[in-house]
């Protein structure tokens, strides 16, 4: 299966690789969907294999934690009514948010181990 391409939500933050945990940046590069997370605070979530060894090495050089818990997920539980309006403001802390209907479709179509490429 060819890699899936994802694009981060545009925001006021500059596009750049995360430097440390909490910097609110979305990682860029090649990763995997490493597991489905049904017990998320969001309506379903697919966990992305960030950080990879290169991400860890960059963070270690700075003496920082690279962070983690980067996911493709639906809206916060109980807030599905927001729908497409969630895109008005980037609220994801580096994740990819989609509507609940979209994450249900992605959840069914994308198995664990699927390679993805995240580009600006």
PDB file of N, CA and C in Angstrom:
ATOM      1  N   UNK A   1       0.855  -1.174   0.000  1.00  0.00           N
ATOM      2  CA  UNK A   1       0.000   0.000   0.000  1.00  0.00           C
ATOM      3  C   UNK A   1       0.901   1.236   0.000  1.00  0.00           C
ATOM      4  N   UNK A   2       0.684   2.217  -0.896  1.00  0.00           N
ATOM      5  CA  UNK A   2       1.528   3.398  -0.934  1.00  0.00           C
ATOM      6  C   UNK A   2       1.290   4.270   0.286  1.00  0.00           C
ATOM      7  N   UNK A   3       2.305   5.099   0.661  1.00  0.00           N
ATOM      8  CA  UNK A   3       2.132   5.975   1.819  1.00  0.00           C
ATOM      9  C   UNK A   3       0.961   6.927   1.622  1.00  0.00           C
ATOM     10  N   UNK A   4       0.282   7.232   2.715  1.00  0.00           N
ATOM     11  CA  UNK A   4      -0.787   8.214   2.726  1.00  0.00           C
ATOM     12  C   UNK A   4      -0.162   9.563   3.025  1.00  0.00           C
ATOM     13  N   UNK A   5      -0.610  10.619   2.364  1.00  0.00           N
ATOM     14  CA  UNK A   5      -0.073  11.944   2.613  1.00  0.00           C
ATOM     15  C   UNK A   5      -1.035  12.726   3.486  1.00  0.00           C
ATOM     16  N   UNK A   6      -0.519  13.388   4.504  1.00  0.00           N
ATOM     17  CA  UNK A   6      -1.338  14.215   5.388  1.00  0.00           C
ATOM     18  C   UNK A   6      -0.741  15.613   5.428  1.00  0.00           C
ATOM     19  N   UNK A   7      -1.582  16.591   5.594  1.00  0.00           N
ATOM     20  CA  UNK A   7      -1.109  17.959   5.644  1.00  0.00           C
ATOM     21  C   UNK A   7      -1.565  18.598   6.942  1.00  0.00           C
ATOM     22  N   UNK A   8      -0.638  19.233   7.632  1.00  0.00           N
ATOM     23  CA  UNK A   8      -0.961  19.880   8.896  1.00  0.00           C
ATOM     24  C   UNK A   8      -1.860  21.082   8.667  1.00  0.00           C
ATOM     25  N   UNK A   9      -2.697  21.365   9.650  1.00  0.00           N
ATOM     26  CA  UNK A   9      -3.535  22.544   9.602  1.00  0.00           C
ATOM     27  C   UNK A   9      -2.658  23.784   9.618  1.00  0.00           C
ATOM     28  N   UNK A  10      -2.975  24.753   8.747  1.00  0.00           N
ATOM     29  CA  UNK A  10      -2.202  25.991   8.741  1.00  0.00           C
ATOM     30  C   UNK A  10      -2.450  26.737  10.043  1.00  0.00           C
ATOM     31  N   UNK A  11      -1.408  27.369  10.549  1.00  0.00           N
ATOM     32  CA  UNK A  11      -1.533  28.122  11.788  1.00  0.00           C
ATOM     33  C   UNK A  11      -0.504  29.234  11.800  1.00  0.00           C
ATOM     34  N   UNK A  12      -0.498  29.989  12.880  1.00  0.00           N
ATOM     35  CA  UNK A  12       0.457  31.082  13.021  1.00  0.00           C
ATOM     36  C   UNK A  12       1.862  30.555  13.318  1.00  0.00           C
ATOM     37  N   UNK A  13       1.953  29.296  13.753  1.00  0.00           N
ATOM     38  CA  UNK A  13       3.268  28.727  14.060  1.00  0.00           C
ATOM     39  C   UNK A  13       4.023  28.464  12.773  1.00  0.00           C
ATOM     40  N   UNK A  14       5.330  28.679  12.769  1.00  0.00           N
ATOM     41  CA  UNK A  14       6.097  28.355  11.567  1.00  0.00           C
ATOM     42  C   UNK A  14       6.126  26.851  11.354  1.00  0.00           C
ATOM     43  N   UNK A  15       6.163  26.451  10.080  1.00  0.00           N
ATOM     44  CA  UNK A  15       6.286  25.034   9.773  1.00  0.00           C
ATOM     45  C   UNK A  15       7.723  24.617  10.033  1.00  0.00           C
ATOM     46  N   UNK A  16       7.914  23.711  10.927  1.00  0.00           N
ATOM     47  CA  UNK A  16       9.242  23.213  11.264  1.00  0.00           C
ATOM     48  C   UNK A  16       9.072  21.935  12.056  1.00  0.00           C
ATOM     49  N   UNK A  17      10.096  21.107  12.051  1.00  0.00           N
ATOM     50  CA  UNK A  17      10.072  19.865  12.809  1.00  0.00           C
ATOM     51  C   UNK A  17      10.004  20.196  14.303  1.00  0.00           C
ATOM     52  N   UNK A  18       9.228  19.432  15.067  1.00  0.00           N
ATOM     53  CA  UNK A  18       9.202  19.674  16.510  1.00  0.00           C
ATOM     54  C   UNK A  18      10.609  19.616  17.093  1.00  0.00           C
ATOM     55  N   UNK A  19      10.853  20.486  18.048  1.00  0.00           N
ATOM     56  CA  UNK A  19      12.152  20.506  18.709  1.00  0.00           C
ATOM     57  C   UNK A  19      12.089  19.910  20.094  1.00  0.00           C
ATOM     58  N   UNK A  20      10.935  20.037  20.734  1.00  0.00           N
ATOM     59  CA  UNK A  20      10.796  19.468  22.064  1.00  0.00           C
ATOM     60  C   UNK A  20       9.323  19.334  22.420  1.00  0.00           C
ATOM     61  N   UNK A  21       9.071  18.537  23.415  1.00  0.00           N
ATOM     62  CA  UNK A  21       7.711  18.314  23.870  1.00  0.00           C
ATOM     63  C   UNK A  21       7.059  19.645  24.228  1.00  0.00           C
ATOM     64  N   UNK A  22       5.811  19.814  23.788  1.00  0.00           N
ATOM     65  CA  UNK A  22       5.059  21.010  24.133  1.00  0.00           C
ATOM     66  C   UNK A  22       5.214  22.175  23.176  1.00  0.00           C
ATOM     67  N   UNK A  23       6.004  22.036  22.101  1.00  0.00           N
ATOM     68  CA  UNK A  23       6.196  23.175  21.201  1.00  0.00           C
ATOM     69  C   UNK A  23       5.065  23.326  20.190  1.00  0.00           C
ATOM     70  N   UNK A  24       4.055  22.452  20.262  1.00  0.00           N
ATOM     71  CA  UNK A  24       2.840  22.530  19.447  1.00  0.00           C
ATOM     72  C   UNK A  24       3.067  22.286  17.955  1.00  0.00           C
ATOM     73  N   UNK A  25       4.215  21.790  17.553  1.00  0.00           N
ATOM     74  CA  UNK A  25       4.500  21.570  16.137  1.00  0.00           C
ATOM     75  C   UNK A  25       4.129  20.155  15.717  1.00  0.00           C
ATOM     76  N   UNK A  26       3.682  20.045  14.480  1.00  0.00           N
ATOM     77  CA  UNK A  26       3.345  18.753  13.890  1.00  0.00           C
ATOM     78  C   UNK A  26       4.594  18.183  13.232  1.00  0.00           C
ATOM     79  N   UNK A  27       4.950  16.935  13.537  1.00  0.00           N
ATOM     80  CA  UNK A  27       6.138  16.361  12.902  1.00  0.00           C
ATOM     81  C   UNK A  27       5.950  16.193  11.404  1.00  0.00           C
ATOM     82  N   UNK A  28       7.052  16.253  10.686  1.00  0.00           N
ATOM     83  CA  UNK A  28       7.051  16.013   9.245  1.00  0.00           C
ATOM     84  C   UNK A  28       7.997  14.867   8.965  1.00  0.00           C
ATOM     85  N   UNK A  29       7.655  14.054   7.985  1.00  0.00           N
ATOM     86  CA  UNK A  29       8.511  12.946   7.604  1.00  0.00           C
ATOM     87  C   UNK A  29       7.723  11.664   7.439  1.00  0.00           C
ATOM     88  N   UNK A  30       8.446  10.560   7.433  1.00  0.00           N
ATOM     89  CA  UNK A  30       7.860   9.232   7.230  1.00  0.00           C
ATOM     90  C   UNK A  30       7.632   8.547   8.562  1.00  0.00           C
ATOM     91  N   UNK A  31       6.410   8.083   8.756  1.00  0.00           N
ATOM     92  CA  UNK A  31       6.017   7.421   9.999  1.00  0.00           C
ATOM     93  C   UNK A  31       5.074   6.268   9.650  1.00  0.00           C
ATOM     94  N   UNK A  32       4.578   5.604  10.660  1.00  0.00           N
ATOM     95  CA  UNK A  32       3.586   4.540  10.503  1.00  0.00           C
ATOM     96  C   UNK A  32       2.384   4.850  11.380  1.00  0.00           C
ATOM     97  N   UNK A  33       1.238   4.334  10.984  1.00  0.00           N
ATOM     98  CA  UNK A  33       0.110   4.269  11.919  1.00  0.00           C
ATOM     99  C   UNK A  33       0.424   3.039  12.757  1.00  0.00           C
ATOM    100  N   UNK A  34       0.813   3.248  14.016  1.00  0.00           N
ATOM    101  CA  UNK A  34       1.278   2.094  14.791  1.00  0.00           C
ATOM    102  C   UNK A  34       0.196   1.439  15.646  1.00  0.00           C
ATOM    103  N   UNK A  35      -0.887   2.152  15.956  1.00  0.00           N
ATOM    104  CA  UNK A  35      -2.019   1.471  16.590  1.00  0.00           C
ATOM    105  C   UNK A  35      -3.277   2.333  16.581  1.00  0.00           C
ATOM    106  N   UNK A  36      -4.407   1.624  16.627  1.00  0.00           N
ATOM    107  CA  UNK A  36      -5.713   2.257  16.762  1.00  0.00           C
ATOM    108  C   UNK A  36      -5.966   2.458  18.258  1.00  0.00           C
ATOM    109  N   UNK A  37      -6.475   3.627  18.625  1.00  0.00           N
ATOM    110  CA  UNK A  37      -6.706   3.944  20.036  1.00  0.00           C
ATOM    111  C   UNK A  37      -8.193   4.255  20.247  1.00  0.00           C
ATOM    112  N   UNK A  38      -9.000   3.249  20.585  1.00  0.00           N
ATOM    113  CA  UNK A  38     -10.435   3.478  20.744  1.00  0.00           C
ATOM    114  C   UNK A  38     -10.797   4.216  22.028  1.00  0.00           C
ATOM    115  N   UNK A  39      -9.906   4.202  23.029  1.00  0.00           N
ATOM    116  CA  UNK A  39     -10.203   4.804  24.334  1.00  0.00           C
ATOM    117  C   UNK A  39      -9.606   6.200  24.476  1.00  0.00           C
ATOM    118  N   UNK A  40      -9.634   6.956  23.407  1.00  0.00           N
ATOM    119  CA  UNK A  40      -9.074   8.297  23.362  1.00  0.00           C
ATOM    120  C   UNK A  40     -10.051   9.314  23.949  1.00  0.00           C
ATOM    121  N   UNK A  41      -9.537  10.492  24.287  1.00  0.00           N
ATOM    122  CA  UNK A  41     -10.374  11.622  24.699  1.00  0.00           C
ATOM    123  C   UNK A  41     -11.090  12.224  23.487  1.00  0.00           C
ATOM    124  N   UNK A  42     -10.755  11.703  22.316  1.00  0.00           N
ATOM    125  CA  UNK A  42     -11.355  12.155  21.064  1.00  0.00           C
ATOM    126  C   UNK A  42     -12.128  10.997  20.446  1.00  0.00           C
ATOM    127  N   UNK A  43     -12.993  11.318  19.501  1.00  0.00           N
ATOM    128  CA  UNK A  43     -13.786  10.274  18.842  1.00  0.00           C
ATOM    129  C   UNK A  43     -12.873   9.444  17.941  1.00  0.00           C
ATOM    130  N   UNK A  44     -12.319   8.404  18.494  1.00  0.00           N
ATOM    131  CA  UNK A  44     -11.377   7.495  17.841  1.00  0.00           C
ATOM    132  C   UNK A  44     -10.065   8.207  17.517  1.00  0.00           C
ATOM    133  N   UNK A  45      -8.975   7.452  17.520  1.00  0.00           N
ATOM    134  CA  UNK A  45      -7.667   8.029  17.217  1.00  0.00           C
ATOM    135  C   UNK A  45      -6.754   6.958  16.632  1.00  0.00           C
ATOM    136  N   UNK A  46      -5.916   7.387  15.695  1.00  0.00           N
ATOM    137  CA  UNK A  46      -4.878   6.535  15.125  1.00  0.00           C
ATOM    138  C   UNK A  46      -3.544   7.126  15.556  1.00  0.00           C
ATOM    139  N   UNK A  47      -2.761   6.361  16.269  1.00  0.00           N
ATOM    140  CA  UNK A  47      -1.479   6.845  16.777  1.00  0.00           C
ATOM    141  C   UNK A  47      -0.411   6.787  15.689  1.00  0.00           C
ATOM    142  N   UNK A  48       0.368   7.850  15.586  1.00  0.00           N
ATOM    143  CA  UNK A  48       1.462   7.952  14.618  1.00  0.00           C
ATOM    144  C   UNK A  48       2.763   7.629  15.338  1.00  0.00           C
ATOM    145  N   UNK A  49       3.666   6.933  14.672  1.00  0.00           N
ATOM    146  CA  UNK A  49       4.900   6.418  15.282  1.00  0.00           C
ATOM    147  C   UNK A  49       5.961   7.482  15.562  1.00  0.00           C
ATOM    148  N   UNK A  50       5.560   8.703  15.817  1.00  0.00           N
ATOM    149  CA  UNK A  50       6.478   9.759  16.241  1.00  0.00           C
ATOM    150  C   UNK A  50       6.725   9.590  17.733  1.00  0.00           C
ATOM    151  N   UNK A  51       7.946   9.703  18.201  1.00  0.00           N
ATOM    152  CA  UNK A  51       9.177  10.036  17.497  1.00  0.00           C
ATOM    153  C   UNK A  51       9.863   8.797  16.924  1.00  0.00           C
ATOM    154  N   UNK A  52      10.503   8.987  15.766  1.00  0.00           N
ATOM    155  CA  UNK A  52      11.308   7.913  15.193  1.00  0.00           C
ATOM    156  C   UNK A  52      12.754   8.091  15.681  1.00  0.00           C
ATOM    157  N   UNK A  53      13.669   7.197  15.329  1.00  0.00           N
ATOM    158  CA  UNK A  53      15.049   7.320  15.826  1.00  0.00           C
ATOM    159  C   UNK A  53      15.711   8.666  15.498  1.00  0.00           C
ATOM    160  N   UNK A  54      15.454   9.218  14.318  1.00  0.00           N
ATOM    161  CA  UNK A  54      16.047  10.519  13.972  1.00  0.00           C
ATOM    162  C   UNK A  54      15.474  11.631  14.846  1.00  0.00           C
ATOM    163  N   UNK A  55      14.173  11.566  15.143  1.00  0.00           N
ATOM    164  CA  UNK A  55      13.546  12.557  16.020  1.00  0.00           C
ATOM    165  C   UNK A  55      14.141  12.475  17.421  1.00  0.00           C
ATOM    166  N   UNK A  56      14.332  11.244  17.905  1.00  0.00           N
ATOM    167  CA  UNK A  56      14.933  11.050  19.228  1.00  0.00           C
ATOM    168  C   UNK A  56      16.353  11.594  19.278  1.00  0.00           C
ATOM    169  N   UNK A  57      17.136  11.343  18.234  1.00  0.00           N
ATOM    170  CA  UNK A  57      18.524  11.825  18.198  1.00  0.00           C
ATOM    171  C   UNK A  57      18.571  13.352  18.236  1.00  0.00           C
ATOM    172  N   UNK A  58      17.691  14.023  17.465  1.00  0.00           N
ATOM    173  CA  UNK A  58      17.662  15.492  17.463  1.00  0.00           C
ATOM    174  C   UNK A  58      17.317  16.027  18.847  1.00  0.00           C
ATOM    175  N   UNK A  59      16.346  15.414  19.481  1.00  0.00           N
ATOM    176  CA  UNK A  59      15.953  15.862  20.816  1.00  0.00           C
ATOM    177  C   UNK A  59      17.067  15.605  21.823  1.00  0.00           C
ATOM    178  N   UNK A  60      17.697  14.449  21.732  1.00  0.00           N
ATOM    179  CA  UNK A  60      18.792  14.131  22.661  1.00  0.00           C
ATOM    180  C   UNK A  60      19.956  15.101  22.530  1.00  0.00           C
ATOM    181  N   UNK A  61      20.234  15.551  21.299  1.00  0.00           N
ATOM    182  CA  UNK A  61      21.309  16.530  21.091  1.00  0.00           C
ATOM    183  C   UNK A  61      21.039  17.822  21.857  1.00  0.00           C
ATOM    184  N   UNK A  62      19.776  18.171  22.020  1.00  0.00           N
ATOM    185  CA  UNK A  62      19.402  19.390  22.736  1.00  0.00           C
ATOM    186  C   UNK A  62      19.102  19.117  24.206  1.00  0.00           C
ATOM    187  N   UNK A  63      19.138  17.866  24.604  1.00  0.00           N
ATOM    188  CA  UNK A  63      18.806  17.523  25.981  1.00  0.00           C
ATOM    189  C   UNK A  63      17.328  17.705  26.287  1.00  0.00           C
ATOM    190  N   UNK A  64      16.475  17.498  25.278  1.00  0.00           N
ATOM    191  CA  UNK A  64      15.037  17.717  25.432  1.00  0.00           C
ATOM    192  C   UNK A  64      14.273  16.429  25.162  1.00  0.00           C
ATOM    193  N   UNK A  65      13.049  16.392  25.627  1.00  0.00           N
ATOM    194  CA  UNK A  65      12.138  15.294  25.296  1.00  0.00           C
ATOM    195  C   UNK A  65      11.483  15.618  23.964  1.00  0.00           C
ATOM    196  N   UNK A  66      11.404  14.645  23.033  1.00  0.00           N
ATOM    197  CA  UNK A  66      10.784  14.920  21.747  1.00  0.00           C
ATOM    198  C   UNK A  66       9.259  14.986  21.813  1.00  0.00           C
ATOM    199  N   UNK A  67       8.683  14.530  22.901  1.00  0.00           N
ATOM    200  CA  UNK A  67       7.231  14.458  22.993  1.00  0.00           C
ATOM    201  C   UNK A  67       6.725  13.196  22.328  1.00  0.00           C
ATOM    202  N   UNK A  68       5.466  13.153  22.074  1.00  0.00           N
ATOM    203  CA  UNK A  68       4.846  11.979  21.471  1.00  0.00           C
ATOM    204  C   UNK A  68       3.350  12.169  21.433  1.00  0.00           C
ATOM    205  N   UNK A  69       2.619  11.080  21.403  1.00  0.00           N
ATOM    206  CA  UNK A  69       1.159  11.112  21.340  1.00  0.00           C
ATOM    207  C   UNK A  69       0.640  11.956  20.188  1.00  0.00           C
ATOM    208  N   UNK A  70       1.286  11.838  19.030  1.00  0.00           N
ATOM    209  CA  UNK A  70       0.803  12.496  17.828  1.00  0.00           C
ATOM    210  C   UNK A  70      -0.180  11.539  17.157  1.00  0.00           C
ATOM    211  N   UNK A  71      -1.380  12.036  16.881  1.00  0.00           N
ATOM    212  CA  UNK A  71      -2.438  11.167  16.357  1.00  0.00           C
ATOM    213  C   UNK A  71      -3.265  11.859  15.280  1.00  0.00           C
ATOM    214  N   UNK A  72      -3.947  11.040  14.522  1.00  0.00           N
ATOM    215  CA  UNK A  72      -5.032  11.491  13.661  1.00  0.00           C
ATOM    216  C   UNK A  72      -6.281  11.140  14.456  1.00  0.00           C
ATOM    217  N   UNK A  73      -7.108  12.126  14.764  1.00  0.00           N
ATOM    218  CA  UNK A  73      -8.257  11.849  15.624  1.00  0.00           C
ATOM    219  C   UNK A  73      -9.474  12.676  15.241  1.00  0.00           C
ATOM    220  N   UNK A  74     -10.608  12.245  15.775  1.00  0.00           N
ATOM    221  CA  UNK A  74     -11.845  12.979  15.602  1.00  0.00           C
ATOM    222  C   UNK A  74     -11.921  14.120  16.602  1.00  0.00           C
ATOM    223  N   UNK A  75     -13.102  14.639  16.773  1.00  0.00           N
ATOM    224  CA  UNK A  75     -13.322  15.774  17.675  1.00  0.00           C
ATOM    225  C   UNK A  75     -13.381  15.288  19.121  1.00  0.00           C
ATOM    226  N   UNK A  76     -13.218  16.206  20.077  1.00  0.00           N
ATOM    227  CA  UNK A  76     -13.313  15.784  21.472  1.00  0.00           C
ATOM    228  C   UNK A  76     -14.628  15.041  21.721  1.00  0.00           C
ATOM    229  N   UNK A  77     -14.572  14.009  22.539  1.00  0.00           N
ATOM    230  CA  UNK A  77     -15.771  13.222  22.832  1.00  0.00           C
ATOM    231  C   UNK A  77     -16.905  14.142  23.275  1.00  0.00           C
ATOM    232  N   UNK A  78     -18.082  13.930  22.686  1.00  0.00           N
ATOM    233  CA  UNK A  78     -19.255  14.729  23.000  1.00  0.00           C
ATOM    234  C   UNK A  78     -19.343  16.047  22.245  1.00  0.00           C
ATOM    235  N   UNK A  79     -18.362  16.330  21.399  1.00  0.00           N
ATOM    236  CA  UNK A  79     -18.356  17.602  20.668  1.00  0.00           C
ATOM    237  C   UNK A  79     -18.430  17.414  19.149  1.00  0.00           C
ATOM    238  N   UNK A  80     -18.914  16.282  18.707  1.00  0.00           N
ATOM    239  CA  UNK A  80     -18.998  16.005  17.281  1.00  0.00           C
ATOM    240  C   UNK A  80     -19.839  17.008  16.513  1.00  0.00           C
ATOM    241  N   UNK A  81     -20.745  17.675  17.204  1.00  0.00           N
ATOM    242  CA  UNK A  81     -21.608  18.677  16.568  1.00  0.00           C
ATOM    243  C   UNK A  81     -20.818  19.831  15.974  1.00  0.00           C
ATOM    244  N   UNK A  82     -19.571  20.026  16.405  1.00  0.00           N
ATOM    245  CA  UNK A  82     -18.745  21.119  15.877  1.00  0.00           C
ATOM    246  C   UNK A  82     -18.494  20.911  14.384  1.00  0.00           C
ATOM    247  N   UNK A  83     -18.355  19.652  13.972  1.00  0.00           N
ATOM    248  CA  UNK A  83     -18.161  19.329  12.562  1.00  0.00           C
ATOM    249  C   UNK A  83     -16.975  20.050  11.950  1.00  0.00           C
ATOM    250  N   UNK A  84     -17.142  20.496  10.703  1.00  0.00           N
ATOM    251  CA  UNK A  84     -16.038  21.119   9.972  1.00  0.00           C
ATOM    252  C   UNK A  84     -15.583  22.438  10.589  1.00  0.00           C
ATOM    253  N   UNK A  85     -16.351  23.003  11.494  1.00  0.00           N
ATOM    254  CA  UNK A  85     -15.958  24.284  12.103  1.00  0.00           C
ATOM    255  C   UNK A  85     -14.732  24.147  13.003  1.00  0.00           C
ATOM    256  N   UNK A  86     -14.333  22.926  13.306  1.00  0.00           N
ATOM    257  CA  UNK A  86     -13.135  22.736  14.125  1.00  0.00           C
ATOM    258  C   UNK A  86     -11.889  23.261  13.414  1.00  0.00           C
ATOM    259  N   UNK A  87     -11.965  23.464  12.095  1.00  0.00           N
ATOM    260  CA  UNK A  87     -10.801  23.916  11.323  1.00  0.00           C
ATOM    261  C   UNK A  87     -10.563  25.419  11.417  1.00  0.00           C
ATOM    262  N   UNK A  88     -11.442  26.153  12.053  1.00  0.00           N
ATOM    263  CA  UNK A  88     -11.298  27.608  12.165  1.00  0.00           C
ATOM    264  C   UNK A  88     -10.038  27.973  12.957  1.00  0.00           C
ATOM    265  N   UNK A  89      -9.686  27.161  13.911  1.00  0.00           N
ATOM    266  CA  UNK A  89      -8.529  27.418  14.785  1.00  0.00           C
ATOM    267  C   UNK A  89      -7.771  26.113  14.988  1.00  0.00           C
ATOM    268  N   UNK A  90      -6.440  26.153  14.917  1.00  0.00           N
ATOM    269  CA  UNK A  90      -5.634  24.942  15.159  1.00  0.00           C
ATOM    270  C   UNK A  90      -5.543  24.707  16.660  1.00  0.00           C
ATOM    271  N   UNK A  91      -6.233  23.712  17.140  1.00  0.00           N
ATOM    272  CA  UNK A  91      -6.340  23.419  18.564  1.00  0.00           C
ATOM    273  C   UNK A  91      -5.697  22.089  18.930  1.00  0.00           C
ATOM    274  N   UNK A  92      -4.946  21.480  18.012  1.00  0.00           N
ATOM    275  CA  UNK A  92      -4.567  20.081  18.166  1.00  0.00           C
ATOM    276  C   UNK A  92      -3.242  19.784  18.849  1.00  0.00           C
ATOM    277  N   UNK A  93      -2.425  20.746  19.144  1.00  0.00           N
ATOM    278  CA  UNK A  93      -1.123  20.501  19.783  1.00  0.00           C
ATOM    279  C   UNK A  93      -0.245  19.564  18.961  1.00  0.00           C
ATOM    280  N   UNK A  94      -0.320  19.677  17.644  1.00  0.00           N
ATOM    281  CA  UNK A  94       0.536  18.885  16.767  1.00  0.00           C
ATOM    282  C   UNK A  94      -0.124  17.692  16.117  1.00  0.00           C
ATOM    283  N   UNK A  95      -1.359  17.389  16.488  1.00  0.00           N
ATOM    284  CA  UNK A  95      -2.084  16.260  15.899  1.00  0.00           C
ATOM    285  C   UNK A  95      -2.812  16.689  14.633  1.00  0.00           C
ATOM    286  N   UNK A  96      -3.533  15.733  14.048  1.00  0.00           N
ATOM    287  CA  UNK A  96      -4.385  15.969  12.889  1.00  0.00           C
ATOM    288  C   UNK A  96      -5.815  15.689  13.305  1.00  0.00           C
ATOM    289  N   UNK A  97      -6.657  16.700  13.294  1.00  0.00           N
ATOM    290  CA  UNK A  97      -8.058  16.521  13.665  1.00  0.00           C
ATOM    291  C   UNK A  97      -8.922  16.496  12.413  1.00  0.00           C
ATOM    292  N   UNK A  98      -9.879  15.599  12.422  1.00  0.00           N
ATOM    293  CA  UNK A  98     -10.859  15.482  11.351  1.00  0.00           C
ATOM    294  C   UNK A  98     -12.234  15.357  12.015  1.00  0.00           C
ATOM    295  N   UNK A  99     -13.284  15.434  11.223  1.00  0.00           N
ATOM    296  CA  UNK A  99     -14.618  15.277  11.798  1.00  0.00           C
ATOM    297  C   UNK A  99     -14.802  13.834  12.271  1.00  0.00           C
ATOM    298  N   UNK A 100     -15.806  13.616  13.087  1.00  0.00           N
ATOM    299  CA  UNK A 100     -16.065  12.269  13.586  1.00  0.00           C
ATOM    300  C   UNK A 100     -16.392  11.308  12.444  1.00  0.00           C
ATOM    301  N   UNK A 101     -17.163  11.765  11.469  1.00  0.00           N
ATOM    302  CA  UNK A 101     -17.482  10.909  10.317  1.00  0.00           C
ATOM    303  C   UNK A 101     -16.210  10.553   9.544  1.00  0.00           C
ATOM    304  N   UNK A 102     -15.309  11.518   9.389  1.00  0.00           N
ATOM    305  CA  UNK A 102     -14.064  11.254   8.669  1.00  0.00           C
ATOM    306  C   UNK A 102     -13.193  10.249   9.418  1.00  0.00           C
ATOM    307  N   UNK A 103     -13.049  10.391  10.738  1.00  0.00           N
ATOM    308  CA  UNK A 103     -12.189   9.460  11.473  1.00  0.00           C
ATOM    309  C   UNK A 103     -12.794   8.059  11.459  1.00  0.00           C
ATOM    310  N   UNK A 104     -14.114   7.950  11.447  1.00  0.00           N
ATOM    311  CA  UNK A 104     -14.724   6.618  11.353  1.00  0.00           C
ATOM    312  C   UNK A 104     -14.358   5.947  10.040  1.00  0.00           C
ATOM    313  N   UNK A 105     -14.356   6.699   8.949  1.00  0.00           N
ATOM    314  CA  UNK A 105     -13.973   6.152   7.648  1.00  0.00           C
ATOM    315  C   UNK A 105     -12.486   5.786   7.622  1.00  0.00           C
ATOM    316  N   UNK A 106     -11.649   6.681   8.123  1.00  0.00           N
ATOM    317  CA  UNK A 106     -10.200   6.419   8.160  1.00  0.00           C
ATOM    318  C   UNK A 106      -9.914   5.210   9.049  1.00  0.00           C
ATOM    319  N   UNK A 107     -10.562   5.138  10.202  1.00  0.00           N
ATOM    320  CA  UNK A 107     -10.393   4.049  11.175  1.00  0.00           C
ATOM    321  C   UNK A 107     -10.617   2.689  10.512  1.00  0.00           C
ATOM    322  N   UNK A 108     -11.686   2.596   9.704  1.00  0.00           N
ATOM    323  CA  UNK A 108     -12.007   1.329   9.033  1.00  0.00           C
ATOM    324  C   UNK A 108     -11.039   1.019   7.893  1.00  0.00           C
ATOM    325  N   UNK A 109     -10.537   2.045   7.205  1.00  0.00           N
ATOM    326  CA  UNK A 109      -9.749   1.845   5.988  1.00  0.00           C
ATOM    327  C   UNK A 109      -8.254   1.670   6.218  1.00  0.00           C
ATOM    328  N   UNK A 110      -7.731   2.138   7.344  1.00  0.00           N
ATOM    329  CA  UNK A 110      -6.282   2.188   7.552  1.00  0.00           C
ATOM    330  C   UNK A 110      -5.869   1.197   8.642  1.00  0.00           C
ATOM    331  N   UNK A 111      -5.191   0.112   8.263  1.00  0.00           N
ATOM    332  CA  UNK A 111      -4.739  -0.856   9.267  1.00  0.00           C
ATOM    333  C   UNK A 111      -3.462  -0.391   9.972  1.00  0.00           C
ATOM    334  N   UNK A 112      -3.223  -0.953  11.151  1.00  0.00           N
ATOM    335  CA  UNK A 112      -1.943  -0.712  11.833  1.00  0.00           C
ATOM    336  C   UNK A 112      -0.809  -1.097  10.898  1.00  0.00           C
ATOM    337  N   UNK A 113       0.282  -0.352  10.964  1.00  0.00           N
ATOM    338  CA  UNK A 113       1.445  -0.619  10.122  1.00  0.00           C
ATOM    339  C   UNK A 113       1.423   0.140   8.795  1.00  0.00           C
ATOM    340  N   UNK A 114       0.357   0.909   8.538  1.00  0.00           N
ATOM    341  CA  UNK A 114       0.282   1.675   7.289  1.00  0.00           C
ATOM    342  C   UNK A 114       1.291   2.814   7.314  1.00  0.00           C
ATOM    343  N   UNK A 115       2.163   2.883   6.304  1.00  0.00           N
ATOM    344  CA  UNK A 115       3.114   3.997   6.244  1.00  0.00           C
ATOM    345  C   UNK A 115       2.398   5.289   5.849  1.00  0.00           C
ATOM    346  N   UNK A 116       2.806   6.381   6.457  1.00  0.00           N
ATOM    347  CA  UNK A 116       2.277   7.702   6.101  1.00  0.00           C
ATOM    348  C   UNK A 116       3.456   8.648   5.913  1.00  0.00           C
ATOM    349  N   UNK A 117       3.244   9.663   5.118  1.00  0.00           N
ATOM    350  CA  UNK A 117       4.237  10.713   4.958  1.00  0.00           C
ATOM    351  C   UNK A 117       3.555  12.020   5.286  1.00  0.00           C
ATOM    352  N   UNK A 118       4.113  12.735   6.239  1.00  0.00           N
ATOM    353  CA  UNK A 118       3.553  14.021   6.654  1.00  0.00           C
ATOM    354  C   UNK A 118       4.411  15.114   6.037  1.00  0.00           C
ATOM    355  N   UNK A 119       3.750  15.959   5.242  1.00  0.00           N
ATOM    356  CA  UNK A 119       4.452  17.056   4.551  1.00  0.00           C
ATOM    357  C   UNK A 119       3.728  18.364   4.822  1.00  0.00           C
ATOM    358  N   UNK A 120       4.465  19.482   4.747  1.00  0.00           N
ATOM    359  CA  UNK A 120       3.800  20.788   4.951  1.00  0.00           C
ATOM    360  C   UNK A 120       2.850  21.109   3.810  1.00  0.00           C
TER     361      UNK A 120
END
